[in-house]
Amino acid sequence: MGIVDRIKRRLPILGAGSPPPPPAPRAPVRTEIHHTAPPEDDRFKPTNARGDVPVAQYIEETVKNNDIVLFMKGSPLAPQCGFSAGASGILAGYGRSYAHVNVLADPEVREAVKAFTNWPTIPQVFIGGEFVGGADILKELHDSGELKGMIDKLPAKAEA
């Protein structure tokens, strides 16, 4: 049997031969999906850095208890936007430790800090308990040398 004959047998449109038999029916595949709610247990509730503290109180305490605070997207080691990366890089260049808050981890903090400062964007920087601005303002202060003066005015931290 030549190639043409084999093709004709498989393709009844071309003529001679019968169509190949239909494939044998397959056994149905059973998939069972069980939807169960997690138990009502505090271990299964989402957590965030602020815990049960009201968001406004958390922001106020964070700003008050830290000399430098950066509300950012991500963390200094893994920033999630270019502006947050730039702001954390500038602050890191001063060799002074600073607190950071990942606003992506808590959407309530993300919106509340914008209302707290009346500033529409993230990142936001606080130095000495005062709101400084966003990444653009921080860069301008750094470039002009004013940021160094602001940081130098902060009390020195005792080394642990």
Protein backbone atom coordinates (compact mmCIF):
# COMPACT_ATOMS: atom_id res chain seq x y z
CA MET A 1 0.00 0.00 0.00
CA GLY A 2 1.46 3.27 -1.09
CA ILE A 3 1.37 6.64 0.55
CA VAL A 4 -1.53 7.84 -1.59
CA ASP A 5 -3.65 4.87 -0.57
CA ARG A 6 -2.91 5.49 3.10
CA ILE A 7 -3.87 9.14 2.78
CA LYS A 8 -7.08 8.27 0.97
CA ARG A 9 -8.05 5.82 3.69
CA ARG A 10 -7.59 8.47 6.35
CA LEU A 11 -9.21 11.28 4.38
CA PRO A 12 -12.55 10.13 3.02
CA ILE A 13 -13.02 13.52 1.37
CA LEU A 14 -10.51 12.54 -1.27
CA GLY A 15 -12.35 9.47 -2.22
CA ALA A 16 -11.84 5.75 -1.73
CA GLY A 17 -11.76 4.18 1.63
CA SER A 18 -13.83 4.58 4.70
CA PRO A 19 -13.20 7.08 7.44
CA PRO A 20 -11.21 5.90 10.40
CA PRO A 21 -13.28 4.59 13.26
CA PRO A 22 -14.22 7.09 15.95
CA PRO A 23 -12.02 6.97 19.02
CA ALA A 24 -13.17 4.69 21.78
CA PRO A 25 -15.10 6.51 24.48
CA ARG A 26 -12.99 7.37 27.47
CA ALA A 27 -14.08 6.90 31.01
CA PRO A 28 -15.18 10.20 32.50
CA VAL A 29 -12.68 11.84 34.82
CA ARG A 30 -14.10 12.60 38.21
CA THR A 31 -12.92 15.76 39.84
CA GLU A 32 -14.18 16.65 43.22
CA ILE A 33 -13.62 20.07 44.64
CA HIS A 34 -14.37 20.57 48.25
CA HIS A 35 -15.02 24.11 49.36
CA THR A 36 -14.78 24.45 53.07
CA ALA A 37 -14.49 27.59 55.09
CA PRO A 38 -11.49 27.83 57.37
CA PRO A 39 -12.30 27.35 61.02
CA GLU A 40 -13.23 30.45 62.95
CA ASP A 41 -9.86 30.76 64.57
CA ASP A 42 -7.61 33.80 64.96
CA ARG A 43 -4.71 31.82 63.48
CA PHE A 44 -6.42 31.98 60.08
CA LYS A 45 -7.18 35.71 60.04
CA PRO A 46 -4.92 37.90 57.93
CA THR A 47 -2.35 39.79 59.95
CA ASN A 48 -0.44 42.98 59.42
CA ALA A 49 2.30 44.88 61.21
CA ARG A 50 -0.10 47.12 63.06
CA GLY A 51 -2.16 44.26 64.49
CA ASP A 52 -5.43 45.51 65.97
CA VAL A 53 -4.23 49.10 66.45
CA PRO A 54 -6.47 51.62 64.68
CA VAL A 55 -4.76 52.82 61.53
CA ALA A 56 -4.57 56.52 62.48
CA GLN A 57 -3.07 55.65 65.86
CA TYR A 58 -0.56 53.31 64.18
CA ILE A 59 0.63 56.05 61.83
CA GLU A 60 0.90 58.64 64.61
CA GLU A 61 2.84 56.27 66.89
CA THR A 62 5.15 55.14 64.09
CA VAL A 63 6.01 58.73 63.18
CA LYS A 64 6.38 59.80 66.82
CA ASN A 65 8.53 56.82 67.89
CA ASN A 66 11.01 56.89 64.98
CA ASP A 67 13.36 59.69 63.92
CA ILE A 68 13.05 58.80 60.24
CA VAL A 69 10.09 56.93 58.72
CA LEU A 70 9.56 55.95 55.10
CA PHE A 71 6.08 54.80 54.07
CA MET A 72 6.88 52.95 50.87
CA LYS A 73 5.81 50.25 48.45
CA GLY A 74 7.79 47.17 49.43
CA SER A 75 10.86 47.25 51.65
CA PRO A 76 14.32 48.82 51.29
CA LEU A 77 15.71 45.43 50.25
CA ALA A 78 12.84 44.74 47.85
CA PRO A 79 11.19 48.00 46.78
CA GLN A 80 8.08 47.60 44.62
CA CYS A 81 8.32 50.88 42.72
CA GLY A 82 11.07 53.12 41.42
CA PHE A 83 10.14 56.08 43.60
CA SER A 84 10.25 53.93 46.75
CA ALA A 85 13.60 52.51 45.62
CA GLY A 86 14.97 56.03 45.09
CA ALA A 87 13.75 57.32 48.45
CA SER A 88 15.12 54.34 50.37
CA GLY A 89 18.42 54.65 48.51
CA ILE A 90 18.77 58.32 49.44
CA LEU A 91 18.02 57.62 53.10
CA ALA A 92 20.37 54.63 53.19
CA GLY A 93 23.17 56.86 51.89
CA TYR A 94 23.18 58.78 55.17
CA GLY A 95 24.13 55.69 57.16
CA ARG A 96 21.38 56.28 59.66
CA SER A 97 18.79 53.63 60.44
CA TYR A 98 15.20 54.44 59.56
CA ALA A 99 11.84 52.79 59.97
CA HIS A 100 9.93 51.73 56.90
CA VAL A 101 6.31 50.72 56.45
CA ASN A 102 5.25 48.63 53.45
CA VAL A 103 1.92 50.17 52.48
CA LEU A 104 1.22 47.30 50.07
CA ALA A 105 0.92 44.97 53.06
CA ASP A 106 -1.92 47.02 54.56
CA PRO A 107 -4.24 48.91 52.19
CA GLU A 108 -5.77 50.80 55.13
CA VAL A 109 -2.38 52.28 56.01
CA ARG A 110 -1.78 53.12 52.36
CA GLU A 111 -4.93 55.24 52.18
CA ALA A 112 -4.74 56.61 55.73
CA VAL A 113 -1.19 57.95 55.39
CA LYS A 114 -2.29 59.90 52.30
CA ALA A 115 -5.12 61.44 54.29
CA PHE A 116 -2.84 62.00 57.31
CA THR A 117 -0.43 64.12 55.25
CA ASN A 118 -2.80 65.37 52.58
CA TRP A 119 -0.21 64.11 50.07
CA PRO A 120 -1.55 61.92 47.24
CA THR A 121 1.41 59.68 46.49
CA ILE A 122 3.65 57.04 48.05
CA PRO A 123 6.45 57.07 49.21
CA GLN A 124 6.16 59.54 52.06
CA VAL A 125 9.01 60.55 54.36
CA PHE A 126 8.90 61.81 57.94
CA ILE A 127 11.95 63.20 59.70
CA GLY A 128 11.88 64.16 63.36
CA GLY A 129 8.12 63.63 63.50
CA GLU A 130 7.48 66.07 60.64
CA PHE A 131 6.23 65.22 57.17
CA VAL A 132 8.91 66.06 54.60
CA GLY A 133 7.25 65.00 51.35
CA GLY A 134 7.55 62.35 48.68
CA ALA A 135 10.43 61.02 46.63
CA ASP A 136 10.74 64.18 44.52
CA ILE A 137 10.96 66.48 47.55
CA LEU A 138 13.42 64.13 49.26
CA LYS A 139 15.64 64.17 46.16
CA GLU A 140 15.55 67.98 45.98
CA LEU A 141 16.47 68.25 49.67
CA HIS A 142 19.28 65.73 49.18
CA ASP A 143 20.64 67.52 46.10
CA SER A 144 20.60 70.90 47.84
CA GLY A 145 22.25 69.57 51.03
CA GLU A 146 19.26 70.46 53.20
CA LEU A 147 18.46 66.81 53.93
CA LYS A 148 21.87 66.30 55.55
CA GLY A 149 21.18 69.25 57.86
CA MET A 150 17.76 67.84 58.80
CA ILE A 151 19.23 64.43 59.59
CA ASP A 152 22.21 65.89 61.47
CA LYS A 153 19.80 67.77 63.78
CA LEU A 154 18.26 64.49 64.95
CA PRO A 155 19.47 63.19 68.31
CA ALA A 156 22.16 60.55 68.08
CA LYS A 157 20.97 57.04 68.85
CA ALA A 158 22.86 55.02 71.42
CA GLU A 159 24.40 51.92 69.89
CA ALA A 160 22.95 48.71 71.34
